[in-house]
Amino acid sequence: MEQLTLTTPALLFSAISLIMLAYTNRFIAYAAVIRDLHDKYLKKKDERLIKQIRNLKQRLYLTRSMQIAGISSLLLCVLTMFLIYVEQHLVAVWVFGLALILLIFSLALLIKEIQISVKALEHHISDIENG
């Protein structure tokens, strides 16, 4: 294996930053939709709104987990750089490996969240098609 240098974990900074921006935008969008559904539910107690809110709650928690894993990955990349700086190369390699695993986990959660989102949209489409 080649020597791990400071530039290797630094390469992930821009990728993780963009991913975190996308996650944050999803979180903000969910919050706005949940607030809107909450107001609608207070006006009209509709069971369909409860189902939508449950779906959004599940997606919101997935997004939170995606954000935590992504931030942890970024934090471990910074720790890797510090470990390389203080010449703890073996530990740095393991910490960087853990950072990559957390990034993989974050992206896997994104896939799960997208699948849930598509199912929710399919229900709306079927309402239109059946109605």
C-alpha atoms as a PDB file:
ATOM      1  CA  MET A   1       0.000   0.000   0.000  1.00  0.00           C
ATOM      2  CA  GLU A   2       1.211   3.484  -0.810  1.00  0.00           C
ATOM      3  CA  GLN A   3       1.901   5.960   1.962  1.00  0.00           C
ATOM      4  CA  LEU A   4      -1.169   7.915   3.110  1.00  0.00           C
ATOM      5  CA  THR A   5      -0.482  11.642   2.649  1.00  0.00           C
ATOM      6  CA  LEU A   6      -2.241  14.781   3.836  1.00  0.00           C
ATOM      7  CA  THR A   7      -3.830  15.252   0.415  1.00  0.00           C
ATOM      8  CA  THR A   8      -5.681  11.915   0.467  1.00  0.00           C
ATOM      9  CA  PRO A   9      -8.179  12.743   3.250  1.00  0.00           C
ATOM     10  CA  ALA A  10      -8.266  16.358   2.073  1.00  0.00           C
ATOM     11  CA  LEU A  11      -9.674  15.172  -1.262  1.00  0.00           C
ATOM     12  CA  LEU A  12     -12.853  14.066   0.506  1.00  0.00           C
ATOM     13  CA  PHE A  13     -13.516  17.525   1.989  1.00  0.00           C
ATOM     14  CA  SER A  14     -15.232  18.938  -1.096  1.00  0.00           C
ATOM     15  CA  ALA A  15     -17.205  15.735  -1.744  1.00  0.00           C
ATOM     16  CA  ILE A  16     -18.423  15.469   1.838  1.00  0.00           C
ATOM     17  CA  SER A  17     -19.213  19.196   1.937  1.00  0.00           C
ATOM     18  CA  LEU A  18     -21.404  18.914  -1.162  1.00  0.00           C
ATOM     19  CA  ILE A  19     -23.131  15.845   0.231  1.00  0.00           C
ATOM     20  CA  MET A  20     -23.795  17.653   3.507  1.00  0.00           C
ATOM     21  CA  LEU A  21     -25.267  20.600   1.600  1.00  0.00           C
ATOM     22  CA  ALA A  22     -27.649  18.236  -0.205  1.00  0.00           C
ATOM     23  CA  TYR A  23     -28.597  16.566   3.096  1.00  0.00           C
ATOM     24  CA  THR A  24     -29.240  19.929   4.727  1.00  0.00           C
ATOM     25  CA  ASN A  25     -31.453  21.004   1.825  1.00  0.00           C
ATOM     26  CA  ARG A  26     -33.461  17.780   2.182  1.00  0.00           C
ATOM     27  CA  PHE A  27     -33.817  18.390   5.924  1.00  0.00           C
ATOM     28  CA  ILE A  28     -35.047  21.959   5.391  1.00  0.00           C
ATOM     29  CA  ALA A  29     -37.532  20.822   2.733  1.00  0.00           C
ATOM     30  CA  TYR A  30     -38.915  18.101   5.031  1.00  0.00           C
ATOM     31  CA  ALA A  31     -39.273  20.567   7.886  1.00  0.00           C
ATOM     32  CA  ALA A  32     -41.274  22.943   5.690  1.00  0.00           C
ATOM     33  CA  VAL A  33     -43.556  20.163   4.425  1.00  0.00           C
ATOM     34  CA  ILE A  34     -44.102  18.819   7.947  1.00  0.00           C
ATOM     35  CA  ARG A  35     -45.053  22.273   9.228  1.00  0.00           C
ATOM     36  CA  ASP A  36     -47.496  22.684   6.341  1.00  0.00           C
ATOM     37  CA  LEU A  37     -49.043  19.249   6.932  1.00  0.00           C
ATOM     38  CA  HIS A  38     -49.290  20.012  10.645  1.00  0.00           C
ATOM     39  CA  ASP A  39     -51.269  23.171   9.932  1.00  0.00           C
ATOM     40  CA  LYS A  40     -53.532  21.309   7.488  1.00  0.00           C
ATOM     41  CA  TYR A  41     -54.122  18.548  10.034  1.00  0.00           C
ATOM     42  CA  LEU A  42     -55.117  21.037  12.723  1.00  0.00           C
ATOM     43  CA  LYS A  43     -57.744  22.424  10.333  1.00  0.00           C
ATOM     44  CA  LYS A  44     -58.965  19.058   9.055  1.00  0.00           C
ATOM     45  CA  LYS A  45     -58.241  15.781  10.859  1.00  0.00           C
ATOM     46  CA  ASP A  46     -57.513  13.653   7.786  1.00  0.00           C
ATOM     47  CA  GLU A  47     -55.949  10.179   8.163  1.00  0.00           C
ATOM     48  CA  ARG A  48     -54.036  10.611   4.889  1.00  0.00           C
ATOM     49  CA  LEU A  49     -52.180  13.529   6.447  1.00  0.00           C
ATOM     50  CA  ILE A  50     -51.142  11.313   9.371  1.00  0.00           C
ATOM     51  CA  LYS A  51     -49.721   8.747   6.927  1.00  0.00           C
ATOM     52  CA  GLN A  52     -47.793  11.471   5.114  1.00  0.00           C
ATOM     53  CA  ILE A  53     -46.440  12.860   8.373  1.00  0.00           C
ATOM     54  CA  ARG A  54     -45.307   9.356   9.458  1.00  0.00           C
ATOM     55  CA  ASN A  55     -43.546   8.900   6.143  1.00  0.00           C
ATOM     56  CA  LEU A  56     -41.850  12.280   6.449  1.00  0.00           C
ATOM     57  CA  LYS A  57     -40.859  11.537  10.042  1.00  0.00           C
ATOM     58  CA  GLN A  58     -39.132   8.343   8.926  1.00  0.00           C
ATOM     59  CA  ARG A  59     -37.334  10.218   6.138  1.00  0.00           C
ATOM     60  CA  LEU A  60     -36.380  13.000   8.543  1.00  0.00           C
ATOM     61  CA  TYR A  61     -34.736  10.522  10.929  1.00  0.00           C
ATOM     62  CA  LEU A  62     -32.907   8.879   8.040  1.00  0.00           C
ATOM     63  CA  THR A  63     -31.650  12.288   6.932  1.00  0.00           C
ATOM     64  CA  ARG A  64     -30.461  13.024  10.456  1.00  0.00           C
ATOM     65  CA  SER A  65     -28.540   9.734  10.487  1.00  0.00           C
ATOM     66  CA  MET A  66     -27.087  10.545   7.061  1.00  0.00           C
ATOM     67  CA  GLN A  67     -25.917  13.915   8.368  1.00  0.00           C
ATOM     68  CA  ILE A  68     -24.371  12.418  11.512  1.00  0.00           C
ATOM     69  CA  ALA A  69     -22.494   9.776   9.510  1.00  0.00           C
ATOM     70  CA  GLY A  70     -21.306  12.380   6.981  1.00  0.00           C
ATOM     71  CA  ILE A  71     -20.145  14.823   9.644  1.00  0.00           C
ATOM     72  CA  SER A  72     -18.396  12.004  11.508  1.00  0.00           C
ATOM     73  CA  SER A  73     -16.662  11.007   8.287  1.00  0.00           C
ATOM     74  CA  LEU A  74     -15.438  14.572   7.787  1.00  0.00           C
ATOM     75  CA  LEU A  75     -14.294  14.763  11.404  1.00  0.00           C
ATOM     76  CA  LEU A  76     -12.319  11.541  11.008  1.00  0.00           C
ATOM     77  CA  CYS A  77     -10.723  12.893   7.831  1.00  0.00           C
ATOM     78  CA  VAL A  78      -9.489  15.887   9.828  1.00  0.00           C
ATOM     79  CA  LEU A  79      -8.268  13.546  12.569  1.00  0.00           C
ATOM     80  CA  THR A  80      -6.471  11.499   9.899  1.00  0.00           C
ATOM     81  CA  MET A  81      -4.686  14.622   8.712  1.00  0.00           C
ATOM     82  CA  PHE A  82      -3.632  15.417  12.264  1.00  0.00           C
ATOM     83  CA  LEU A  83      -2.376  11.870  12.794  1.00  0.00           C
ATOM     84  CA  ILE A  84      -0.346  12.080   9.586  1.00  0.00           C
ATOM     85  CA  TYR A  85       1.039  15.426  10.763  1.00  0.00           C
ATOM     86  CA  VAL A  86       2.194  13.907  14.080  1.00  0.00           C
ATOM     87  CA  GLU A  87       3.558  10.888  12.186  1.00  0.00           C
ATOM     88  CA  GLN A  88       1.117   8.287  13.483  1.00  0.00           C
ATOM     89  CA  HIS A  89       0.718   6.733  10.045  1.00  0.00           C
ATOM     90  CA  LEU A  90      -0.644   3.319  11.032  1.00  0.00           C
ATOM     91  CA  VAL A  91      -3.357   4.849  13.228  1.00  0.00           C
ATOM     92  CA  ALA A  92      -4.072   7.395  10.475  1.00  0.00           C
ATOM     93  CA  VAL A  93      -4.700   4.608   7.968  1.00  0.00           C
ATOM     94  CA  TRP A  94      -7.231   2.928  10.277  1.00  0.00           C
ATOM     95  CA  VAL A  95      -8.973   6.204  11.137  1.00  0.00           C
ATOM     96  CA  PHE A  96      -9.200   7.085   7.443  1.00  0.00           C
ATOM     97  CA  GLY A  97     -10.640   3.639   6.733  1.00  0.00           C
ATOM     98  CA  LEU A  98     -13.299   4.262   9.367  1.00  0.00           C
ATOM     99  CA  ALA A  99     -14.037   7.647   7.759  1.00  0.00           C
ATOM    100  CA  LEU A 100     -14.603   5.898   4.439  1.00  0.00           C
ATOM    101  CA  ILE A 101     -16.907   3.338   6.067  1.00  0.00           C
ATOM    102  CA  LEU A 102     -18.980   6.129   7.623  1.00  0.00           C
ATOM    103  CA  LEU A 103     -19.227   7.840   4.251  1.00  0.00           C
ATOM    104  CA  ILE A 104     -20.389   4.575   2.680  1.00  0.00           C
ATOM    105  CA  PHE A 105     -22.971   4.192   5.476  1.00  0.00           C
ATOM    106  CA  SER A 106     -24.209   7.738   4.905  1.00  0.00           C
ATOM    107  CA  LEU A 107     -24.646   7.088   1.183  1.00  0.00           C
ATOM    108  CA  ALA A 108     -26.401   3.775   1.850  1.00  0.00           C
ATOM    109  CA  LEU A 109     -28.882   5.624   4.074  1.00  0.00           C
ATOM    110  CA  LEU A 110     -29.412   8.082   1.229  1.00  0.00           C
ATOM    111  CA  ILE A 111     -30.374   5.186  -1.051  1.00  0.00           C
ATOM    112  CA  LYS A 112     -32.876   3.966   1.558  1.00  0.00           C
ATOM    113  CA  GLU A 113     -34.326   7.460   1.959  1.00  0.00           C
ATOM    114  CA  ILE A 114     -34.702   7.858  -1.808  1.00  0.00           C
ATOM    115  CA  GLN A 115     -36.575   4.537  -1.991  1.00  0.00           C
ATOM    116  CA  ILE A 116     -39.001   5.715   0.701  1.00  0.00           C
ATOM    117  CA  SER A 117     -39.463   9.031  -1.131  1.00  0.00           C
ATOM    118  CA  VAL A 118     -40.270   7.263  -4.383  1.00  0.00           C
ATOM    119  CA  LYS A 119     -42.856   5.042  -2.647  1.00  0.00           C
ATOM    120  CA  ALA A 120     -44.531   8.127  -1.185  1.00  0.00           C
ATOM    121  CA  LEU A 121     -44.695   9.752  -4.607  1.00  0.00           C
ATOM    122  CA  GLU A 122     -46.052   6.540  -6.123  1.00  0.00           C
ATOM    123  CA  HIS A 123     -48.994   6.744  -3.678  1.00  0.00           C
ATOM    124  CA  HIS A 124     -49.751  10.276  -4.908  1.00  0.00           C
ATOM    125  CA  ILE A 125     -49.530   9.163  -8.522  1.00  0.00           C
ATOM    126  CA  SER A 126     -51.835   6.199  -7.886  1.00  0.00           C
ATOM    127  CA  ASP A 127     -54.383   8.542  -6.259  1.00  0.00           C
ATOM    128  CA  ILE A 128     -54.413  10.609  -9.433  1.00  0.00           C
ATOM    129  CA  GLU A 129     -54.536   7.568 -11.715  1.00  0.00           C
ATOM    130  CA  ASN A 130     -57.347   5.940  -9.710  1.00  0.00           C
ATOM    131  CA  GLY A 131     -59.266   9.174  -9.158  1.00  0.00           C
END
